[in-house]
Amino acid sequence: MSDVFDRLSQVLAERRNASPDSSYVAQLHHKGLNKILEKVGEEATEMIIAAKDAEHPTDADRERLRLEAVKETADVWFHSLVALSHLGLGLEDVEAELARRFGTSGLEEKASRTRS
């Protein structure tokens, strides 16, 4: 993991059981998983809109719209990590799952999830 993700993982762990008055992350944990997931959905919607806007920008808007897509993606990742933290999971769990998938065709992996 990068230093940023290591630091973020540490902060999320520290604030998981902190007073809700102490930080935004602690407030989210205090409000519960449904509120955290609401934020994930809200940020995902904003990221989708930002990405669509950035797909065909005018030259004057190109950098602003690309930066907005990055910012919204960061918000999705952040709130997703808060959700994982709430469940006692972390980025290392996602990293392990992604590593497990190397060497497996994406098409095969997706098909394996839809078979019953």
PDB file of N, CA and C in Angstrom:
ATOM      1  N   MET A   1       0.844  -1.192   0.000  1.00  0.00           N
ATOM      2  CA  MET A   1       0.000   0.000   0.000  1.00  0.00           C
ATOM      3  C   MET A   1       0.880   1.243   0.000  1.00  0.00           C
ATOM      4  N   SER A   2       0.349   2.287  -0.541  1.00  0.00           N
ATOM      5  CA  SER A   2       1.076   3.547  -0.540  1.00  0.00           C
ATOM      6  C   SER A   2       1.010   4.186   0.840  1.00  0.00           C
ATOM      7  N   ASP A   3       1.885   5.137   1.061  1.00  0.00           N
ATOM      8  CA  ASP A   3       1.918   5.844   2.334  1.00  0.00           C
ATOM      9  C   ASP A   3       0.585   6.518   2.628  1.00  0.00           C
ATOM     10  N   VAL A   4      -0.054   7.071   1.619  1.00  0.00           N
ATOM     11  CA  VAL A   4      -1.345   7.743   1.817  1.00  0.00           C
ATOM     12  C   VAL A   4      -2.380   6.748   2.326  1.00  0.00           C
ATOM     13  N   PHE A   5      -2.445   5.589   1.714  1.00  0.00           N
ATOM     14  CA  PHE A   5      -3.428   4.593   2.139  1.00  0.00           C
ATOM     15  C   PHE A   5      -3.073   3.999   3.496  1.00  0.00           C
ATOM     16  N   ASP A   6      -1.778   3.853   3.771  1.00  0.00           N
ATOM     17  CA  ASP A   6      -1.372   3.391   5.105  1.00  0.00           C
ATOM     18  C   ASP A   6      -1.832   4.390   6.163  1.00  0.00           C
ATOM     19  N   ARG A   7      -1.591   5.672   5.910  1.00  0.00           N
ATOM     20  CA  ARG A   7      -1.993   6.711   6.869  1.00  0.00           C
ATOM     21  C   ARG A   7      -3.500   6.764   7.012  1.00  0.00           C
ATOM     22  N   LEU A   8      -4.210   6.675   5.886  1.00  0.00           N
ATOM     23  CA  LEU A   8      -5.663   6.714   5.940  1.00  0.00           C
ATOM     24  C   LEU A   8      -6.214   5.514   6.712  1.00  0.00           C
ATOM     25  N   SER A   9      -5.666   4.347   6.478  1.00  0.00           N
ATOM     26  CA  SER A   9      -6.112   3.155   7.204  1.00  0.00           C
ATOM     27  C   SER A   9      -5.919   3.319   8.707  1.00  0.00           C
ATOM     28  N   GLN A  10      -4.811   3.912   9.083  1.00  0.00           N
ATOM     29  CA  GLN A  10      -4.538   4.148  10.503  1.00  0.00           C
ATOM     30  C   GLN A  10      -5.547   5.128  11.097  1.00  0.00           C
ATOM     31  N   VAL A  11      -5.817   6.210  10.385  1.00  0.00           N
ATOM     32  CA  VAL A  11      -6.785   7.202  10.869  1.00  0.00           C
ATOM     33  C   VAL A  11      -8.171   6.578  10.996  1.00  0.00           C
ATOM     34  N   LEU A  12      -8.581   5.805  10.005  1.00  0.00           N
ATOM     35  CA  LEU A  12      -9.901   5.176  10.062  1.00  0.00           C
ATOM     36  C   LEU A  12     -10.007   4.237  11.257  1.00  0.00           C
ATOM     37  N   ALA A  13      -8.950   3.476  11.517  1.00  0.00           N
ATOM     38  CA  ALA A  13      -8.961   2.562  12.664  1.00  0.00           C
ATOM     39  C   ALA A  13      -9.038   3.336  13.976  1.00  0.00           C
ATOM     40  N   GLU A  14      -8.291   4.428  14.075  1.00  0.00           N
ATOM     41  CA  GLU A  14      -8.283   5.234  15.296  1.00  0.00           C
ATOM     42  C   GLU A  14      -9.639   5.875  15.576  1.00  0.00           C
ATOM     43  N   ARG A  15     -10.328   6.249  14.526  1.00  0.00           N
ATOM     44  CA  ARG A  15     -11.576   7.005  14.694  1.00  0.00           C
ATOM     45  C   ARG A  15     -12.822   6.141  14.703  1.00  0.00           C
ATOM     46  N   ARG A  16     -12.648   4.854  14.498  1.00  0.00           N
ATOM     47  CA  ARG A  16     -13.802   3.943  14.446  1.00  0.00           C
ATOM     48  C   ARG A  16     -14.623   3.985  15.732  1.00  0.00           C
ATOM     49  N   ASN A  17     -13.974   4.051  16.868  1.00  0.00           N
ATOM     50  CA  ASN A  17     -14.673   4.067  18.149  1.00  0.00           C
ATOM     51  C   ASN A  17     -14.501   5.390  18.892  1.00  0.00           C
ATOM     52  N   ALA A  18     -14.104   6.425  18.171  1.00  0.00           N
ATOM     53  CA  ALA A  18     -13.893   7.731  18.794  1.00  0.00           C
ATOM     54  C   ALA A  18     -15.229   8.432  19.033  1.00  0.00           C
ATOM     55  N   SER A  19     -15.186   9.477  19.811  1.00  0.00           N
ATOM     56  CA  SER A  19     -16.377  10.277  20.076  1.00  0.00           C
ATOM     57  C   SER A  19     -16.864  10.919  18.780  1.00  0.00           C
ATOM     58  N   PRO A  20     -18.172  10.906  18.544  1.00  0.00           N
ATOM     59  CA  PRO A  20     -18.690  11.521  17.320  1.00  0.00           C
ATOM     60  C   PRO A  20     -18.419  13.021  17.241  1.00  0.00           C
ATOM     61  N   ASP A  21     -18.084  13.623  18.371  1.00  0.00           N
ATOM     62  CA  ASP A  21     -17.747  15.044  18.367  1.00  0.00           C
ATOM     63  C   ASP A  21     -16.329  15.305  17.871  1.00  0.00           C
ATOM     64  N   SER A  22     -15.539  14.244  17.732  1.00  0.00           N
ATOM     65  CA  SER A  22     -14.118  14.418  17.441  1.00  0.00           C
ATOM     66  C   SER A  22     -13.773  14.467  15.958  1.00  0.00           C
ATOM     67  N   SER A  23     -14.583  13.861  15.096  1.00  0.00           N
ATOM     68  CA  SER A  23     -14.237  13.845  13.671  1.00  0.00           C
ATOM     69  C   SER A  23     -15.436  13.437  12.815  1.00  0.00           C
ATOM     70  N   TYR A  24     -15.329  13.736  11.547  1.00  0.00           N
ATOM     71  CA  TYR A  24     -16.346  13.341  10.576  1.00  0.00           C
ATOM     72  C   TYR A  24     -16.459  11.819  10.502  1.00  0.00           C
ATOM     73  N   VAL A  25     -15.320  11.128  10.476  1.00  0.00           N
ATOM     74  CA  VAL A  25     -15.328   9.663  10.413  1.00  0.00           C
ATOM     75  C   VAL A  25     -16.021   9.085  11.635  1.00  0.00           C
ATOM     76  N   ALA A  26     -15.713   9.615  12.801  1.00  0.00           N
ATOM     77  CA  ALA A  26     -16.362   9.138  14.032  1.00  0.00           C
ATOM     78  C   ALA A  26     -17.864   9.392  13.977  1.00  0.00           C
ATOM     79  N   GLN A  27     -18.273  10.520  13.419  1.00  0.00           N
ATOM     80  CA  GLN A  27     -19.706  10.810  13.267  1.00  0.00           C
ATOM     81  C   GLN A  27     -20.371   9.776  12.373  1.00  0.00           C
ATOM     82  N   LEU A  28     -19.718   9.442  11.256  1.00  0.00           N
ATOM     83  CA  LEU A  28     -20.279   8.433  10.356  1.00  0.00           C
ATOM     84  C   LEU A  28     -20.423   7.086  11.057  1.00  0.00           C
ATOM     85  N   HIS A  29     -19.388   6.666  11.764  1.00  0.00           N
ATOM     86  CA  HIS A  29     -19.462   5.393  12.487  1.00  0.00           C
ATOM     87  C   HIS A  29     -20.584   5.427  13.524  1.00  0.00           C
ATOM     88  N   HIS A  30     -20.718   6.535  14.208  1.00  0.00           N
ATOM     89  CA  HIS A  30     -21.753   6.667  15.237  1.00  0.00           C
ATOM     90  C   HIS A  30     -23.159   6.570  14.614  1.00  0.00           C
ATOM     91  N   LYS A  31     -23.332   7.123  13.407  1.00  0.00           N
ATOM     92  CA  LYS A  31     -24.636   7.092  12.736  1.00  0.00           C
ATOM     93  C   LYS A  31     -24.961   5.715  12.177  1.00  0.00           C
ATOM     94  N   GLY A  32     -23.924   4.897  11.967  1.00  0.00           N
ATOM     95  CA  GLY A  32     -24.151   3.517  11.553  1.00  0.00           C
ATOM     96  C   GLY A  32     -23.934   3.245  10.077  1.00  0.00           C
ATOM     97  N   LEU A  33     -23.968   1.973   9.755  1.00  0.00           N
ATOM     98  CA  LEU A  33     -23.656   1.516   8.406  1.00  0.00           C
ATOM     99  C   LEU A  33     -24.602   2.087   7.359  1.00  0.00           C
ATOM    100  N   ASN A  34     -25.887   2.185   7.662  1.00  0.00           N
ATOM    101  CA  ASN A  34     -26.819   2.707   6.656  1.00  0.00           C
ATOM    102  C   ASN A  34     -26.451   4.122   6.234  1.00  0.00           C
ATOM    103  N   LYS A  35     -26.067   4.965   7.169  1.00  0.00           N
ATOM    104  CA  LYS A  35     -25.668   6.338   6.840  1.00  0.00           C
ATOM    105  C   LYS A  35     -24.382   6.337   6.022  1.00  0.00           C
ATOM    106  N   ILE A  36     -23.442   5.483   6.393  1.00  0.00           N
ATOM    107  CA  ILE A  36     -22.188   5.381   5.637  1.00  0.00           C
ATOM    108  C   ILE A  36     -22.472   4.948   4.204  1.00  0.00           C
ATOM    109  N   LEU A  37     -23.325   3.947   4.044  1.00  0.00           N
ATOM    110  CA  LEU A  37     -23.652   3.456   2.704  1.00  0.00           C
ATOM    111  C   LEU A  37     -24.421   4.492   1.899  1.00  0.00           C
ATOM    112  N   GLU A  38     -25.233   5.274   2.560  1.00  0.00           N
ATOM    113  CA  GLU A  38     -25.925   6.387   1.896  1.00  0.00           C
ATOM    114  C   GLU A  38     -24.890   7.343   1.298  1.00  0.00           C
ATOM    115  N   LYS A  39     -23.841   7.633   2.070  1.00  0.00           N
ATOM    116  CA  LYS A  39     -22.777   8.513   1.584  1.00  0.00           C
ATOM    117  C   LYS A  39     -22.024   7.876   0.417  1.00  0.00           C
ATOM    118  N   VAL A  40     -21.776   6.565   0.479  1.00  0.00           N
ATOM    119  CA  VAL A  40     -21.117   5.884  -0.637  1.00  0.00           C
ATOM    120  C   VAL A  40     -21.958   6.057  -1.903  1.00  0.00           C
ATOM    121  N   GLY A  41     -23.254   5.825  -1.792  1.00  0.00           N
ATOM    122  CA  GLY A  41     -24.141   5.966  -2.946  1.00  0.00           C
ATOM    123  C   GLY A  41     -24.190   7.382  -3.480  1.00  0.00           C
ATOM    124  N   GLU A  42     -24.269   8.344  -2.571  1.00  0.00           N
ATOM    125  CA  GLU A  42     -24.299   9.754  -2.971  1.00  0.00           C
ATOM    126  C   GLU A  42     -23.015  10.126  -3.716  1.00  0.00           C
ATOM    127  N   GLU A  43     -21.885   9.724  -3.161  1.00  0.00           N
ATOM    128  CA  GLU A  43     -20.602  10.058  -3.789  1.00  0.00           C
ATOM    129  C   GLU A  43     -20.421   9.305  -5.105  1.00  0.00           C
ATOM    130  N   ALA A  44     -20.910   8.069  -5.186  1.00  0.00           N
ATOM    131  CA  ALA A  44     -20.819   7.312  -6.439  1.00  0.00           C
ATOM    132  C   ALA A  44     -21.625   7.995  -7.539  1.00  0.00           C
ATOM    133  N   THR A  45     -22.800   8.496  -7.184  1.00  0.00           N
ATOM    134  CA  THR A  45     -23.618   9.217  -8.161  1.00  0.00           C
ATOM    135  C   THR A  45     -22.901  10.469  -8.644  1.00  0.00           C
ATOM    136  N   GLU A  46     -22.302  11.206  -7.715  1.00  0.00           N
ATOM    137  CA  GLU A  46     -21.566  12.415  -8.081  1.00  0.00           C
ATOM    138  C   GLU A  46     -20.354  12.080  -8.943  1.00  0.00           C
ATOM    139  N   MET A  47     -19.704  10.949  -8.665  1.00  0.00           N
ATOM    140  CA  MET A  47     -18.560  10.529  -9.470  1.00  0.00           C
ATOM    141  C   MET A  47     -18.993  10.179 -10.890  1.00  0.00           C
ATOM    142  N   ILE A  48     -20.115   9.497 -11.014  1.00  0.00           N
ATOM    143  CA  ILE A  48     -20.633   9.135 -12.336  1.00  0.00           C
ATOM    144  C   ILE A  48     -20.910  10.385 -13.153  1.00  0.00           C
ATOM    145  N   ILE A  49     -21.560  11.355 -12.543  1.00  0.00           N
ATOM    146  CA  ILE A  49     -21.876  12.604 -13.239  1.00  0.00           C
ATOM    147  C   ILE A  49     -20.589  13.328 -13.637  1.00  0.00           C
ATOM    148  N   ALA A  50     -19.628  13.388 -12.719  1.00  0.00           N
ATOM    149  CA  ALA A  50     -18.367  14.065 -13.003  1.00  0.00           C
ATOM    150  C   ALA A  50     -17.617  13.371 -14.140  1.00  0.00           C
ATOM    151  N   ALA A  51     -17.612  12.043 -14.143  1.00  0.00           N
ATOM    152  CA  ALA A  51     -16.928  11.298 -15.204  1.00  0.00           C
ATOM    153  C   ALA A  51     -17.609  11.524 -16.549  1.00  0.00           C
ATOM    154  N   LYS A  52     -18.933  11.520 -16.553  1.00  0.00           N
ATOM    155  CA  LYS A  52     -19.660  11.792 -17.806  1.00  0.00           C
ATOM    156  C   LYS A  52     -19.354  13.199 -18.314  1.00  0.00           C
ATOM    157  N   ASP A  53     -19.308  14.163 -17.412  1.00  0.00           N
ATOM    158  CA  ASP A  53     -18.988  15.545 -17.794  1.00  0.00           C
ATOM    159  C   ASP A  53     -17.571  15.658 -18.343  1.00  0.00           C
ATOM    160  N   ALA A  54     -16.658  14.859 -17.805  1.00  0.00           N
ATOM    161  CA  ALA A  54     -15.252  14.932 -18.201  1.00  0.00           C
ATOM    162  C   ALA A  54     -14.954  14.173 -19.492  1.00  0.00           C
ATOM    163  N   GLU A  55     -15.899  13.374 -19.946  1.00  0.00           N
ATOM    164  CA  GLU A  55     -15.631  12.550 -21.122  1.00  0.00           C
ATOM    165  C   GLU A  55     -15.401  13.381 -22.384  1.00  0.00           C
ATOM    166  N   HIS A  56     -16.187  14.408 -22.599  1.00  0.00           N
ATOM    167  CA  HIS A  56     -16.074  15.233 -23.810  1.00  0.00           C
ATOM    168  C   HIS A  56     -16.103  16.717 -23.447  1.00  0.00           C
ATOM    169  N   PRO A  57     -15.106  17.183 -22.691  1.00  0.00           N
ATOM    170  CA  PRO A  57     -15.129  18.578 -22.263  1.00  0.00           C
ATOM    171  C   PRO A  57     -14.652  19.515 -23.367  1.00  0.00           C
ATOM    172  N   THR A  58     -15.000  20.771 -23.243  1.00  0.00           N
ATOM    173  CA  THR A  58     -14.387  21.778 -24.103  1.00  0.00           C
ATOM    174  C   THR A  58     -12.965  21.983 -23.606  1.00  0.00           C
ATOM    175  N   ASP A  59     -12.110  22.525 -24.441  1.00  0.00           N
ATOM    176  CA  ASP A  59     -10.722  22.743 -24.030  1.00  0.00           C
ATOM    177  C   ASP A  59     -10.642  23.610 -22.784  1.00  0.00           C
ATOM    178  N   ALA A  60     -11.532  24.595 -22.676  1.00  0.00           N
ATOM    179  CA  ALA A  60     -11.497  25.512 -21.537  1.00  0.00           C
ATOM    180  C   ALA A  60     -11.863  24.808 -20.227  1.00  0.00           C
ATOM    181  N   ASP A  61     -12.684  23.769 -20.307  1.00  0.00           N
ATOM    182  CA  ASP A  61     -13.155  23.078 -19.103  1.00  0.00           C
ATOM    183  C   ASP A  61     -12.417  21.768 -18.809  1.00  0.00           C
ATOM    184  N   ARG A  62     -11.521  21.359 -19.700  1.00  0.00           N
ATOM    185  CA  ARG A  62     -10.897  20.034 -19.618  1.00  0.00           C
ATOM    186  C   ARG A  62     -10.268  19.761 -18.249  1.00  0.00           C
ATOM    187  N   GLU A  63      -9.368  20.588 -17.792  1.00  0.00           N
ATOM    188  CA  GLU A  63      -8.665  20.316 -16.535  1.00  0.00           C
ATOM    189  C   GLU A  63      -9.596  20.385 -15.337  1.00  0.00           C
ATOM    190  N   ARG A  64     -10.501  21.336 -15.310  1.00  0.00           N
ATOM    191  CA  ARG A  64     -11.444  21.467 -14.192  1.00  0.00           C
ATOM    192  C   ARG A  64     -12.325  20.229 -14.091  1.00  0.00           C
ATOM    193  N   LEU A  65     -12.830  19.752 -15.209  1.00  0.00           N
ATOM    194  CA  LEU A  65     -13.717  18.591 -15.201  1.00  0.00           C
ATOM    195  C   LEU A  65     -12.964  17.302 -14.884  1.00  0.00           C
ATOM    196  N   ARG A  66     -11.740  17.185 -15.361  1.00  0.00           N
ATOM    197  CA  ARG A  66     -10.932  16.008 -15.026  1.00  0.00           C
ATOM    198  C   ARG A  66     -10.622  15.989 -13.528  1.00  0.00           C
ATOM    199  N   LEU A  67     -10.288  17.151 -12.982  1.00  0.00           N
ATOM    200  CA  LEU A  67     -10.008  17.244 -11.550  1.00  0.00           C
ATOM    201  C   LEU A  67     -11.260  16.928 -10.736  1.00  0.00           C
ATOM    202  N   GLU A  68     -12.404  17.359 -11.191  1.00  0.00           N
ATOM    203  CA  GLU A  68     -13.657  17.064 -10.485  1.00  0.00           C
ATOM    204  C   GLU A  68     -13.919  15.553 -10.462  1.00  0.00           C
ATOM    205  N   ALA A  69     -13.642  14.879 -11.573  1.00  0.00           N
ATOM    206  CA  ALA A  69     -13.810  13.417 -11.608  1.00  0.00           C
ATOM    207  C   ALA A  69     -12.866  12.739 -10.614  1.00  0.00           C
ATOM    208  N   VAL A  70     -11.655  13.234 -10.498  1.00  0.00           N
ATOM    209  CA  VAL A  70     -10.694  12.676  -9.537  1.00  0.00           C
ATOM    210  C   VAL A  70     -11.174  12.929  -8.108  1.00  0.00           C
ATOM    211  N   LYS A  71     -11.630  14.131  -7.829  1.00  0.00           N
ATOM    212  CA  LYS A  71     -12.107  14.461  -6.480  1.00  0.00           C
ATOM    213  C   LYS A  71     -13.294  13.590  -6.082  1.00  0.00           C
ATOM    214  N   GLU A  72     -14.226  13.407  -6.989  1.00  0.00           N
ATOM    215  CA  GLU A  72     -15.395  12.587  -6.671  1.00  0.00           C
ATOM    216  C   GLU A  72     -15.012  11.120  -6.506  1.00  0.00           C
ATOM    217  N   THR A  73     -14.049  10.649  -7.285  1.00  0.00           N
ATOM    218  CA  THR A  73     -13.567   9.283  -7.114  1.00  0.00           C
ATOM    219  C   THR A  73     -12.913   9.129  -5.748  1.00  0.00           C
ATOM    220  N   ALA A  74     -12.145  10.117  -5.333  1.00  0.00           N
ATOM    221  CA  ALA A  74     -11.535  10.082  -4.000  1.00  0.00           C
ATOM    222  C   ALA A  74     -12.609  10.010  -2.917  1.00  0.00           C
ATOM    223  N   ASP A  75     -13.705  10.737  -3.103  1.00  0.00           N
ATOM    224  CA  ASP A  75     -14.807  10.686  -2.133  1.00  0.00           C
ATOM    225  C   ASP A  75     -15.436   9.290  -2.073  1.00  0.00           C
ATOM    226  N   VAL A  76     -15.613   8.656  -3.228  1.00  0.00           N
ATOM    227  CA  VAL A  76     -16.171   7.293  -3.261  1.00  0.00           C
ATOM    228  C   VAL A  76     -15.235   6.332  -2.545  1.00  0.00           C
ATOM    229  N   TRP A  77     -13.966   6.401  -2.861  1.00  0.00           N
ATOM    230  CA  TRP A  77     -12.991   5.510  -2.225  1.00  0.00           C
ATOM    231  C   TRP A  77     -12.983   5.735  -0.723  1.00  0.00           C
ATOM    232  N   PHE A  78     -12.938   7.007  -0.306  1.00  0.00           N
ATOM    233  CA  PHE A  78     -12.885   7.328   1.118  1.00  0.00           C
ATOM    234  C   PHE A  78     -14.086   6.738   1.855  1.00  0.00           C
ATOM    235  N   HIS A  79     -15.287   7.012   1.354  1.00  0.00           N
ATOM    236  CA  HIS A  79     -16.483   6.538   2.047  1.00  0.00           C
ATOM    237  C   HIS A  79     -16.602   5.009   1.976  1.00  0.00           C
ATOM    238  N   SER A  80     -16.113   4.407   0.898  1.00  0.00           N
ATOM    239  CA  SER A  80     -16.079   2.943   0.821  1.00  0.00           C
ATOM    240  C   SER A  80     -15.141   2.371   1.880  1.00  0.00           C
ATOM    241  N   LEU A  81     -14.012   3.026   2.100  1.00  0.00           N
ATOM    242  CA  LEU A  81     -13.079   2.575   3.138  1.00  0.00           C
ATOM    243  C   LEU A  81     -13.664   2.766   4.526  1.00  0.00           C
ATOM    244  N   VAL A  82     -14.448   3.827   4.729  1.00  0.00           N
ATOM    245  CA  VAL A  82     -15.137   4.001   6.014  1.00  0.00           C
ATOM    246  C   VAL A  82     -16.114   2.843   6.218  1.00  0.00           C
ATOM    247  N   ALA A  83     -16.846   2.463   5.167  1.00  0.00           N
ATOM    248  CA  ALA A  83     -17.783   1.341   5.272  1.00  0.00           C
ATOM    249  C   ALA A  83     -17.052   0.054   5.617  1.00  0.00           C
ATOM    250  N   LEU A  84     -15.942  -0.209   4.944  1.00  0.00           N
ATOM    251  CA  LEU A  84     -15.162  -1.404   5.255  1.00  0.00           C
ATOM    252  C   LEU A  84     -14.656  -1.367   6.694  1.00  0.00           C
ATOM    253  N   SER A  85     -14.181  -0.208   7.123  1.00  0.00           N
ATOM    254  CA  SER A  85     -13.701  -0.048   8.498  1.00  0.00           C
ATOM    255  C   SER A  85     -14.803  -0.356   9.489  1.00  0.00           C
ATOM    256  N   HIS A  86     -16.007   0.092   9.184  1.00  0.00           N
ATOM    257  CA  HIS A  86     -17.152  -0.155  10.064  1.00  0.00           C
ATOM    258  C   HIS A  86     -17.411  -1.657  10.219  1.00  0.00           C
ATOM    259  N   LEU A  87     -17.071  -2.399   9.169  1.00  0.00           N
ATOM    260  CA  LEU A  87     -17.267  -3.856   9.174  1.00  0.00           C
ATOM    261  C   LEU A  87     -16.042  -4.614   9.681  1.00  0.00           C
ATOM    262  N   GLY A  88     -15.023  -3.866  10.113  1.00  0.00           N
ATOM    263  CA  GLY A  88     -13.806  -4.514  10.591  1.00  0.00           C
ATOM    264  C   GLY A  88     -12.908  -4.988   9.467  1.00  0.00           C
ATOM    265  N   LEU A  89     -13.091  -4.431   8.290  1.00  0.00           N
ATOM    266  CA  LEU A  89     -12.290  -4.782   7.123  1.00  0.00           C
ATOM    267  C   LEU A  89     -11.471  -3.561   6.716  1.00  0.00           C
ATOM    268  N   GLY A  90     -10.563  -3.750   5.766  1.00  0.00           N
ATOM    269  CA  GLY A  90      -9.747  -2.630   5.347  1.00  0.00           C
ATOM    270  C   GLY A  90      -9.254  -2.785   3.928  1.00  0.00           C
ATOM    271  N   LEU A  91      -8.443  -1.833   3.549  1.00  0.00           N
ATOM    272  CA  LEU A  91      -7.897  -1.803   2.201  1.00  0.00           C
ATOM    273  C   LEU A  91      -7.085  -3.056   1.890  1.00  0.00           C
ATOM    274  N   GLU A  92      -6.416  -3.595   2.910  1.00  0.00           N
ATOM    275  CA  GLU A  92      -5.628  -4.811   2.691  1.00  0.00           C
ATOM    276  C   GLU A  92      -6.512  -5.982   2.269  1.00  0.00           C
ATOM    277  N   ASP A  93      -7.767  -5.992   2.708  1.00  0.00           N
ATOM    278  CA  ASP A  93      -8.692  -7.042   2.298  1.00  0.00           C
ATOM    279  C   ASP A  93      -9.074  -6.892   0.829  1.00  0.00           C
ATOM    280  N   VAL A  94      -9.280  -5.655   0.400  1.00  0.00           N
ATOM    281  CA  VAL A  94      -9.590  -5.388  -1.005  1.00  0.00           C
ATOM    282  C   VAL A  94      -8.370  -5.697  -1.861  1.00  0.00           C
ATOM    283  N   GLU A  95      -7.204  -5.286  -1.384  1.00  0.00           N
ATOM    284  CA  GLU A  95      -5.961  -5.547  -2.106  1.00  0.00           C
ATOM    285  C   GLU A  95      -5.750  -7.057  -2.288  1.00  0.00           C
ATOM    286  N   ALA A  96      -6.014  -7.835  -1.259  1.00  0.00           N
ATOM    287  CA  ALA A  96      -5.873  -9.291  -1.341  1.00  0.00           C
ATOM    288  C   ALA A  96      -6.853  -9.878  -2.354  1.00  0.00           C
ATOM    289  N   GLU A  97      -8.071  -9.364  -2.372  1.00  0.00           N
ATOM    290  CA  GLU A  97      -9.060  -9.864  -3.334  1.00  0.00           C
ATOM    291  C   GLU A  97      -8.649  -9.540  -4.766  1.00  0.00           C
ATOM    292  N   LEU A  98      -8.159  -8.322  -4.970  1.00  0.00           N
ATOM    293  CA  LEU A  98      -7.703  -7.957  -6.316  1.00  0.00           C
ATOM    294  C   LEU A  98      -6.504  -8.804  -6.733  1.00  0.00           C
ATOM    295  N   ALA A  99      -5.594  -9.053  -5.807  1.00  0.00           N
ATOM    296  CA  ALA A  99      -4.431  -9.896  -6.104  1.00  0.00           C
ATOM    297  C   ALA A  99      -4.872 -11.311  -6.465  1.00  0.00           C
ATOM    298  N   ARG A 100      -5.889 -11.812  -5.760  1.00  0.00           N
ATOM    299  CA  ARG A 100      -6.405 -13.146  -6.036  1.00  0.00           C
ATOM    300  C   ARG A 100      -6.916 -13.258  -7.463  1.00  0.00           C
ATOM    301  N   ARG A 101      -7.429 -12.162  -7.983  1.00  0.00           N
ATOM    302  CA  ARG A 101      -8.027 -12.189  -9.317  1.00  0.00           C
ATOM    303  C   ARG A 101      -7.010 -12.130 -10.449  1.00  0.00           C
ATOM    304  N   PHE A 102      -5.758 -11.753 -10.162  1.00  0.00           N
ATOM    305  CA  PHE A 102      -4.750 -11.747 -11.219  1.00  0.00           C
ATOM    306  C   PHE A 102      -4.604 -13.139 -11.779  1.00  0.00           C
ATOM    307  N   GLY A 103      -4.473 -13.212 -13.091  1.00  0.00           N
ATOM    308  CA  GLY A 103      -4.341 -14.505 -13.735  1.00  0.00           C
ATOM    309  C   GLY A 103      -5.675 -15.142 -14.071  1.00  0.00           C
ATOM    310  N   THR A 104      -6.754 -14.493 -13.659  1.00  0.00           N
ATOM    311  CA  THR A 104      -8.099 -14.973 -13.979  1.00  0.00           C
ATOM    312  C   THR A 104      -8.707 -13.996 -14.967  1.00  0.00           C
ATOM    313  N   SER A 105      -9.244 -14.514 -16.031  1.00  0.00           N
ATOM    314  CA  SER A 105      -9.917 -13.663 -17.002  1.00  0.00           C
ATOM    315  C   SER A 105     -11.069 -12.936 -16.323  1.00  0.00           C
ATOM    316  N   GLY A 106     -11.178 -11.647 -16.580  1.00  0.00           N
ATOM    317  CA  GLY A 106     -12.295 -10.881 -16.031  1.00  0.00           C
ATOM    318  C   GLY A 106     -13.633 -11.448 -16.470  1.00  0.00           C
ATOM    319  N   LEU A 107     -13.689 -11.933 -17.694  1.00  0.00           N
ATOM    320  CA  LEU A 107     -14.933 -12.525 -18.189  1.00  0.00           C
ATOM    321  C   LEU A 107     -15.253 -13.814 -17.443  1.00  0.00           C
ATOM    322  N   GLU A 108     -14.239 -14.632 -17.188  1.00  0.00           N
ATOM    323  CA  GLU A 108     -14.453 -15.876 -16.441  1.00  0.00           C
ATOM    324  C   GLU A 108     -14.847 -15.576 -14.990  1.00  0.00           C
ATOM    325  N   GLU A 109     -14.176 -14.600 -14.382  1.00  0.00           N
ATOM    326  CA  GLU A 109     -14.480 -14.270 -12.989  1.00  0.00           C
ATOM    327  C   GLU A 109     -15.914 -13.775 -12.856  1.00  0.00           C
ATOM    328  N   LYS A 110     -16.343 -12.940 -13.778  1.00  0.00           N
ATOM    329  CA  LYS A 110     -17.712 -12.428 -13.734  1.00  0.00           C
ATOM    330  C   LYS A 110     -18.704 -13.556 -13.953  1.00  0.00           C
ATOM    331  N   ALA A 111     -18.411 -14.437 -14.882  1.00  0.00           N
ATOM    332  CA  ALA A 111     -19.324 -15.573 -15.148  1.00  0.00           C
ATOM    333  C   ALA A 111     -19.441 -16.479 -13.940  1.00  0.00           C
ATOM    334  N   SER A 112     -18.354 -16.627 -13.197  1.00  0.00           N
ATOM    335  CA  SER A 112     -18.395 -17.507 -12.020  1.00  0.00           C
ATOM    336  C   SER A 112     -19.291 -16.945 -10.926  1.00  0.00           C
ATOM    337  N   ARG A 113     -19.482 -15.643 -10.900  1.00  0.00           N
ATOM    338  CA  ARG A 113     -20.341 -15.023  -9.890  1.00  0.00           C
ATOM    339  C   ARG A 113     -21.814 -15.114 -10.268  1.00  0.00           C
ATOM    340  N   THR A 114     -22.122 -15.319 -11.540  1.00  0.00           N
ATOM    341  CA  THR A 114     -23.517 -15.331 -11.972  1.00  0.00           C
ATOM    342  C   THR A 114     -24.078 -16.739 -12.111  1.00  0.00           C
ATOM    343  N   ARG A 115     -23.220 -17.742 -12.014  1.00  0.00           N
ATOM    344  CA  ARG A 115     -23.682 -19.128 -12.087  1.00  0.00           C
ATOM    345  C   ARG A 115     -24.319 -19.545 -10.776  1.00  0.00           C
ATOM    346  N   SER A 116     -25.378 -20.301 -10.875  1.00  0.00           N
ATOM    347  CA  SER A 116     -26.030 -20.809  -9.653  1.00  0.00           C
ATOM    348  C   SER A 116     -26.071 -22.302  -9.653  1.00  0.00           C
TER     349      SER A 116
END
